[in-house]
Amino acid sequence: MLKKPETDRTCDAWVWGRFLTDGTWDKLYGDGGVATIDVASQDDRSRTLKVLPDQRVLIVGQGK
């Protein structure tokens, strides 16, 4: 289960997970099923996610 960041009104990293085709959580993805990226140390916000034709994932956003 993903947890809400323990900061006040900011998000310190982008967090996402992946599901298998049967709908179960893919625990082999990232670290225990969760991948994170720290864009700019504080107030990171992902805005758009797109799965590309070759199954790579493109995530666009911002950080301060």
PDB file of N, CA and C in Angstrom:
ATOM      1  N   MET A   1       0.844  -1.169   0.000  1.00  0.00           N
ATOM      2  CA  MET A   1       0.000   0.000   0.000  1.00  0.00           C
ATOM      3  C   MET A   1       0.892   1.236   0.000  1.00  0.00           C
ATOM      4  N   LEU A   2       0.554   2.219  -0.829  1.00  0.00           N
ATOM      5  CA  LEU A   2       1.309   3.461  -0.857  1.00  0.00           C
ATOM      6  C   LEU A   2       0.895   4.340   0.308  1.00  0.00           C
ATOM      7  N   LYS A   3       1.858   5.015   0.888  1.00  0.00           N
ATOM      8  CA  LYS A   3       1.580   5.885   2.028  1.00  0.00           C
ATOM      9  C   LYS A   3       1.678   7.335   1.594  1.00  0.00           C
ATOM     10  N   LYS A   4       0.869   8.179   2.187  1.00  0.00           N
ATOM     11  CA  LYS A   4       0.929   9.614   1.941  1.00  0.00           C
ATOM     12  C   LYS A   4       2.249  10.141   2.494  1.00  0.00           C
ATOM     13  N   PRO A   5       2.933  11.036   1.750  1.00  0.00           N
ATOM     14  CA  PRO A   5       4.179  11.600   2.280  1.00  0.00           C
ATOM     15  C   PRO A   5       3.947  12.251   3.642  1.00  0.00           C
ATOM     16  N   GLU A   6       4.951  12.165   4.496  1.00  0.00           N
ATOM     17  CA  GLU A   6       4.827  12.709   5.846  1.00  0.00           C
ATOM     18  C   GLU A   6       5.225  14.178   5.911  1.00  0.00           C
ATOM     19  N   THR A   7       5.079  14.896   4.817  1.00  0.00           N
ATOM     20  CA  THR A   7       5.376  16.318   4.794  1.00  0.00           C
ATOM     21  C   THR A   7       4.062  17.086   4.729  1.00  0.00           C
ATOM     22  N   ASP A   8       4.090  18.342   5.029  1.00  0.00           N
ATOM     23  CA  ASP A   8       2.889  19.161   5.062  1.00  0.00           C
ATOM     24  C   ASP A   8       2.671  19.860   3.727  1.00  0.00           C
ATOM     25  N   ARG A   9       1.724  19.382   2.933  1.00  0.00           N
ATOM     26  CA  ARG A   9       1.305  19.982   1.666  1.00  0.00           C
ATOM     27  C   ARG A   9       2.378  20.004   0.587  1.00  0.00           C
ATOM     28  N   THR A  10       3.406  19.199   0.716  1.00  0.00           N
ATOM     29  CA  THR A  10       4.383  19.064  -0.348  1.00  0.00           C
ATOM     30  C   THR A  10       4.584  17.592  -0.623  1.00  0.00           C
ATOM     31  N   CYS A  11       5.099  17.298  -1.774  1.00  0.00           N
ATOM     32  CA  CYS A  11       5.387  15.917  -2.138  1.00  0.00           C
ATOM     33  C   CYS A  11       6.856  15.849  -2.512  1.00  0.00           C
ATOM     34  N   ASP A  12       7.633  15.067  -1.797  1.00  0.00           N
ATOM     35  CA  ASP A  12       9.069  15.046  -1.974  1.00  0.00           C
ATOM     36  C   ASP A  12       9.552  14.157  -3.105  1.00  0.00           C
ATOM     37  N   ALA A  13       8.689  13.343  -3.684  1.00  0.00           N
ATOM     38  CA  ALA A  13       9.101  12.468  -4.780  1.00  0.00           C
ATOM     39  C   ALA A  13       7.872  11.985  -5.539  1.00  0.00           C
ATOM     40  N   TRP A  14       8.103  11.574  -6.775  1.00  0.00           N
ATOM     41  CA  TRP A  14       7.035  10.931  -7.537  1.00  0.00           C
ATOM     42  C   TRP A  14       7.042   9.459  -7.145  1.00  0.00           C
ATOM     43  N   VAL A  15       5.878   8.909  -6.918  1.00  0.00           N
ATOM     44  CA  VAL A  15       5.756   7.520  -6.499  1.00  0.00           C
ATOM     45  C   VAL A  15       4.736   6.825  -7.392  1.00  0.00           C
ATOM     46  N   TRP A  16       5.083   5.665  -7.914  1.00  0.00           N
ATOM     47  CA  TRP A  16       4.125   4.917  -8.706  1.00  0.00           C
ATOM     48  C   TRP A  16       4.393   3.428  -8.576  1.00  0.00           C
ATOM     49  N   GLY A  17       3.411   2.640  -8.952  1.00  0.00           N
ATOM     50  CA  GLY A  17       3.513   1.189  -8.904  1.00  0.00           C
ATOM     51  C   GLY A  17       2.993   0.603 -10.194  1.00  0.00           C
ATOM     52  N   ARG A  18       3.062  -0.697 -10.318  1.00  0.00           N
ATOM     53  CA  ARG A  18       2.612  -1.359 -11.543  1.00  0.00           C
ATOM     54  C   ARG A  18       1.766  -2.570 -11.171  1.00  0.00           C
ATOM     55  N   PHE A  19       0.718  -2.795 -11.962  1.00  0.00           N
ATOM     56  CA  PHE A  19      -0.146  -3.954 -11.792  1.00  0.00           C
ATOM     57  C   PHE A  19       0.096  -4.946 -12.916  1.00  0.00           C
ATOM     58  N   LEU A  20      -0.030  -6.213 -12.609  1.00  0.00           N
ATOM     59  CA  LEU A  20       0.077  -7.271 -13.613  1.00  0.00           C
ATOM     60  C   LEU A  20      -1.226  -7.372 -14.400  1.00  0.00           C
ATOM     61  N   THR A  21      -1.208  -8.119 -15.492  1.00  0.00           N
ATOM     62  CA  THR A  21      -2.407  -8.233 -16.331  1.00  0.00           C
ATOM     63  C   THR A  21      -3.590  -8.858 -15.593  1.00  0.00           C
ATOM     64  N   ASP A  22      -3.334  -9.628 -14.524  1.00  0.00           N
ATOM     65  CA  ASP A  22      -4.443 -10.210 -13.757  1.00  0.00           C
ATOM     66  C   ASP A  22      -4.950  -9.265 -12.668  1.00  0.00           C
ATOM     67  N   GLY A  23      -4.392  -8.041 -12.611  1.00  0.00           N
ATOM     68  CA  GLY A  23      -4.866  -7.041 -11.658  1.00  0.00           C
ATOM     69  C   GLY A  23      -4.152  -7.046 -10.320  1.00  0.00           C
ATOM     70  N   THR A  24      -3.204  -7.963 -10.123  1.00  0.00           N
ATOM     71  CA  THR A  24      -2.473  -7.996  -8.858  1.00  0.00           C
ATOM     72  C   THR A  24      -1.282  -7.041  -8.907  1.00  0.00           C
ATOM     73  N   TRP A  25      -0.836  -6.627  -7.714  1.00  0.00           N
ATOM     74  CA  TRP A  25       0.289  -5.708  -7.569  1.00  0.00           C
ATOM     75  C   TRP A  25       1.571  -6.416  -8.006  1.00  0.00           C
ATOM     76  N   ASP A  26       2.384  -5.785  -8.849  1.00  0.00           N
ATOM     77  CA  ASP A  26       3.646  -6.358  -9.318  1.00  0.00           C
ATOM     78  C   ASP A  26       4.747  -6.015  -8.316  1.00  0.00           C
ATOM     79  N   LYS A  27       5.020  -6.937  -7.397  1.00  0.00           N
ATOM     80  CA  LYS A  27       5.995  -6.682  -6.338  1.00  0.00           C
ATOM     81  C   LYS A  27       7.436  -6.770  -6.816  1.00  0.00           C
ATOM     82  N   LEU A  28       7.656  -7.185  -8.072  1.00  0.00           N
ATOM     83  CA  LEU A  28       9.007  -7.224  -8.627  1.00  0.00           C
ATOM     84  C   LEU A  28       9.386  -5.899  -9.276  1.00  0.00           C
ATOM     85  N   TYR A  29       8.421  -5.014  -9.445  1.00  0.00           N
ATOM     86  CA  TYR A  29       8.659  -3.704 -10.051  1.00  0.00           C
ATOM     87  C   TYR A  29       9.273  -2.762  -9.025  1.00  0.00           C
ATOM     88  N   GLY A  30      10.315  -2.054  -9.407  1.00  0.00           N
ATOM     89  CA  GLY A  30      10.923  -1.081  -8.495  1.00  0.00           C
ATOM     90  C   GLY A  30      11.416  -1.737  -7.220  1.00  0.00           C
ATOM     91  N   ASP A  31      11.091  -1.155  -6.090  1.00  0.00           N
ATOM     92  CA  ASP A  31      11.488  -1.663  -4.778  1.00  0.00           C
ATOM     93  C   ASP A  31      10.244  -2.179  -4.062  1.00  0.00           C
ATOM     94  N   GLY A  32      10.007  -3.479  -4.167  1.00  0.00           N
ATOM     95  CA  GLY A  32       8.837  -4.066  -3.531  1.00  0.00           C
ATOM     96  C   GLY A  32       7.522  -3.680  -4.189  1.00  0.00           C
ATOM     97  N   GLY A  33       7.583  -3.302  -5.461  1.00  0.00           N
ATOM     98  CA  GLY A  33       6.371  -2.932  -6.186  1.00  0.00           C
ATOM     99  C   GLY A  33       6.174  -1.434  -6.324  1.00  0.00           C
ATOM    100  N   VAL A  34       7.082  -0.645  -5.770  1.00  0.00           N
ATOM    101  CA  VAL A  34       6.954   0.813  -5.813  1.00  0.00           C
ATOM    102  C   VAL A  34       8.226   1.410  -6.395  1.00  0.00           C
ATOM    103  N   ALA A  35       8.070   2.346  -7.307  1.00  0.00           N
ATOM    104  CA  ALA A  35       9.203   3.081  -7.857  1.00  0.00           C
ATOM    105  C   ALA A  35       9.059   4.548  -7.471  1.00  0.00           C
ATOM    106  N   THR A  36      10.162   5.186  -7.138  1.00  0.00           N
ATOM    107  CA  THR A  36      10.138   6.604  -6.784  1.00  0.00           C
ATOM    108  C   THR A  36      11.230   7.333  -7.545  1.00  0.00           C
ATOM    109  N   ILE A  37      11.020   8.608  -7.778  1.00  0.00           N
ATOM    110  CA  ILE A  37      12.050   9.477  -8.331  1.00  0.00           C
ATOM    111  C   ILE A  37      11.932  10.830  -7.642  1.00  0.00           C
ATOM    112  N   ASP A  38      13.056  11.306  -7.150  1.00  0.00           N
ATOM    113  CA  ASP A  38      13.106  12.602  -6.493  1.00  0.00           C
ATOM    114  C   ASP A  38      13.592  13.606  -7.531  1.00  0.00           C
ATOM    115  N   VAL A  39      12.708  14.428  -8.037  1.00  0.00           N
ATOM    116  CA  VAL A  39      13.022  15.340  -9.131  1.00  0.00           C
ATOM    117  C   VAL A  39      13.833  16.532  -8.642  1.00  0.00           C
ATOM    118  N   ALA A  40      13.403  17.177  -7.575  1.00  0.00           N
ATOM    119  CA  ALA A  40      14.055  18.417  -7.156  1.00  0.00           C
ATOM    120  C   ALA A  40      14.075  18.599  -5.642  1.00  0.00           C
ATOM    121  N   SER A  41      14.100  17.522  -4.908  1.00  0.00           N
ATOM    122  CA  SER A  41      14.222  17.540  -3.440  1.00  0.00           C
ATOM    123  C   SER A  41      12.972  17.960  -2.679  1.00  0.00           C
ATOM    124  N   GLN A  42      12.102  18.786  -3.265  1.00  0.00           N
ATOM    125  CA  GLN A  42      10.876  19.163  -2.574  1.00  0.00           C
ATOM    126  C   GLN A  42       9.797  19.544  -3.577  1.00  0.00           C
ATOM    127  N   ASP A  43       8.577  19.437  -3.169  1.00  0.00           N
ATOM    128  CA  ASP A  43       7.414  19.847  -3.959  1.00  0.00           C
ATOM    129  C   ASP A  43       7.428  19.305  -5.386  1.00  0.00           C
ATOM    130  N   ASP A  44       7.727  18.008  -5.535  1.00  0.00           N
ATOM    131  CA  ASP A  44       7.712  17.351  -6.841  1.00  0.00           C
ATOM    132  C   ASP A  44       6.285  16.957  -7.193  1.00  0.00           C
ATOM    133  N   ARG A  45       5.874  17.242  -8.419  1.00  0.00           N
ATOM    134  CA  ARG A  45       4.512  16.923  -8.845  1.00  0.00           C
ATOM    135  C   ARG A  45       4.521  16.349 -10.252  1.00  0.00           C
ATOM    136  N   SER A  46       4.037  15.124 -10.390  1.00  0.00           N
ATOM    137  CA  SER A  46       3.882  14.555 -11.728  1.00  0.00           C
ATOM    138  C   SER A  46       2.540  15.015 -12.269  1.00  0.00           C
ATOM    139  N   ARG A  47       2.502  15.351 -13.530  1.00  0.00           N
ATOM    140  CA  ARG A  47       1.283  15.906 -14.136  1.00  0.00           C
ATOM    141  C   ARG A  47       0.663  14.987 -15.183  1.00  0.00           C
ATOM    142  N   THR A  48       1.495  14.307 -15.940  1.00  0.00           N
ATOM    143  CA  THR A  48       1.000  13.486 -17.037  1.00  0.00           C
ATOM    144  C   THR A  48       1.801  12.198 -17.114  1.00  0.00           C
ATOM    145  N   LEU A  49       1.123  11.102 -17.373  1.00  0.00           N
ATOM    146  CA  LEU A  49       1.766   9.811 -17.559  1.00  0.00           C
ATOM    147  C   LEU A  49       1.268   9.221 -18.860  1.00  0.00           C
ATOM    148  N   LYS A  50       2.189   8.706 -19.686  1.00  0.00           N
ATOM    149  CA  LYS A  50       1.798   8.082 -20.946  1.00  0.00           C
ATOM    150  C   LYS A  50       2.608   6.809 -21.126  1.00  0.00           C
ATOM    151  N   VAL A  51       1.923   5.718 -21.494  1.00  0.00           N
ATOM    152  CA  VAL A  51       2.594   4.472 -21.841  1.00  0.00           C
ATOM    153  C   VAL A  51       2.901   4.543 -23.335  1.00  0.00           C
ATOM    154  N   LEU A  52       4.175   4.440 -23.666  1.00  0.00           N
ATOM    155  CA  LEU A  52       4.621   4.538 -25.057  1.00  0.00           C
ATOM    156  C   LEU A  52       4.392   3.210 -25.781  1.00  0.00           C
ATOM    157  N   PRO A  53       4.398   3.214 -27.121  1.00  0.00           N
ATOM    158  CA  PRO A  53       4.138   1.985 -27.882  1.00  0.00           C
ATOM    159  C   PRO A  53       5.063   0.814 -27.520  1.00  0.00           C
ATOM    160  N   ASP A  54       6.287   1.106 -27.074  1.00  0.00           N
ATOM    161  CA  ASP A  54       7.211   0.025 -26.700  1.00  0.00           C
ATOM    162  C   ASP A  54       7.101  -0.348 -25.216  1.00  0.00           C
ATOM    163  N   GLN A  55       6.023   0.119 -24.544  1.00  0.00           N
ATOM    164  CA  GLN A  55       5.700  -0.180 -23.147  1.00  0.00           C
ATOM    165  C   GLN A  55       6.556   0.575 -22.131  1.00  0.00           C
ATOM    166  N   ARG A  56       7.418   1.487 -22.571  1.00  0.00           N
ATOM    167  CA  ARG A  56       8.097   2.357 -21.615  1.00  0.00           C
ATOM    168  C   ARG A  56       7.083   3.378 -21.124  1.00  0.00           C
ATOM    169  N   VAL A  57       7.348   3.968 -19.963  1.00  0.00           N
ATOM    170  CA  VAL A  57       6.433   4.943 -19.375  1.00  0.00           C
ATOM    171  C   VAL A  57       7.110   6.310 -19.373  1.00  0.00           C
ATOM    172  N   LEU A  58       6.399   7.317 -19.863  1.00  0.00           N
ATOM    173  CA  LEU A  58       6.881   8.688 -19.858  1.00  0.00           C
ATOM    174  C   LEU A  58       6.052   9.463 -18.838  1.00  0.00           C
ATOM    175  N   ILE A  59       6.734  10.086 -17.867  1.00  0.00           N
ATOM    176  CA  ILE A  59       6.064  10.873 -16.836  1.00  0.00           C
ATOM    177  C   ILE A  59       6.593  12.301 -16.922  1.00  0.00           C
ATOM    178  N   VAL A  60       5.691  13.266 -16.957  1.00  0.00           N
ATOM    179  CA  VAL A  60       6.065  14.666 -17.066  1.00  0.00           C
ATOM    180  C   VAL A  60       5.530  15.409 -15.842  1.00  0.00           C
ATOM    181  N   GLY A  61       6.338  16.320 -15.324  1.00  0.00           N
ATOM    182  CA  GLY A  61       5.904  17.084 -14.167  1.00  0.00           C
ATOM    183  C   GLY A  61       6.872  18.190 -13.855  1.00  0.00           C
ATOM    184  N   GLN A  62       6.926  18.551 -12.578  1.00  0.00           N
ATOM    185  CA  GLN A  62       7.780  19.658 -12.156  1.00  0.00           C
ATOM    186  C   GLN A  62       8.284  19.438 -10.746  1.00  0.00           C
ATOM    187  N   GLY A  63       9.288  20.200 -10.380  1.00  0.00           N
ATOM    188  CA  GLY A  63       9.815  20.189  -9.030  1.00  0.00           C
ATOM    189  C   GLY A  63      10.435  21.529  -8.723  1.00  0.00           C
ATOM    190  N   LYS A  64      10.469  21.882  -7.459  1.00  0.00           N
ATOM    191  CA  LYS A  64      11.081  23.150  -7.053  1.00  0.00           C
ATOM    192  C   LYS A  64      12.413  22.900  -6.394  1.00  0.00           C
TER     193      LYS A  64
END
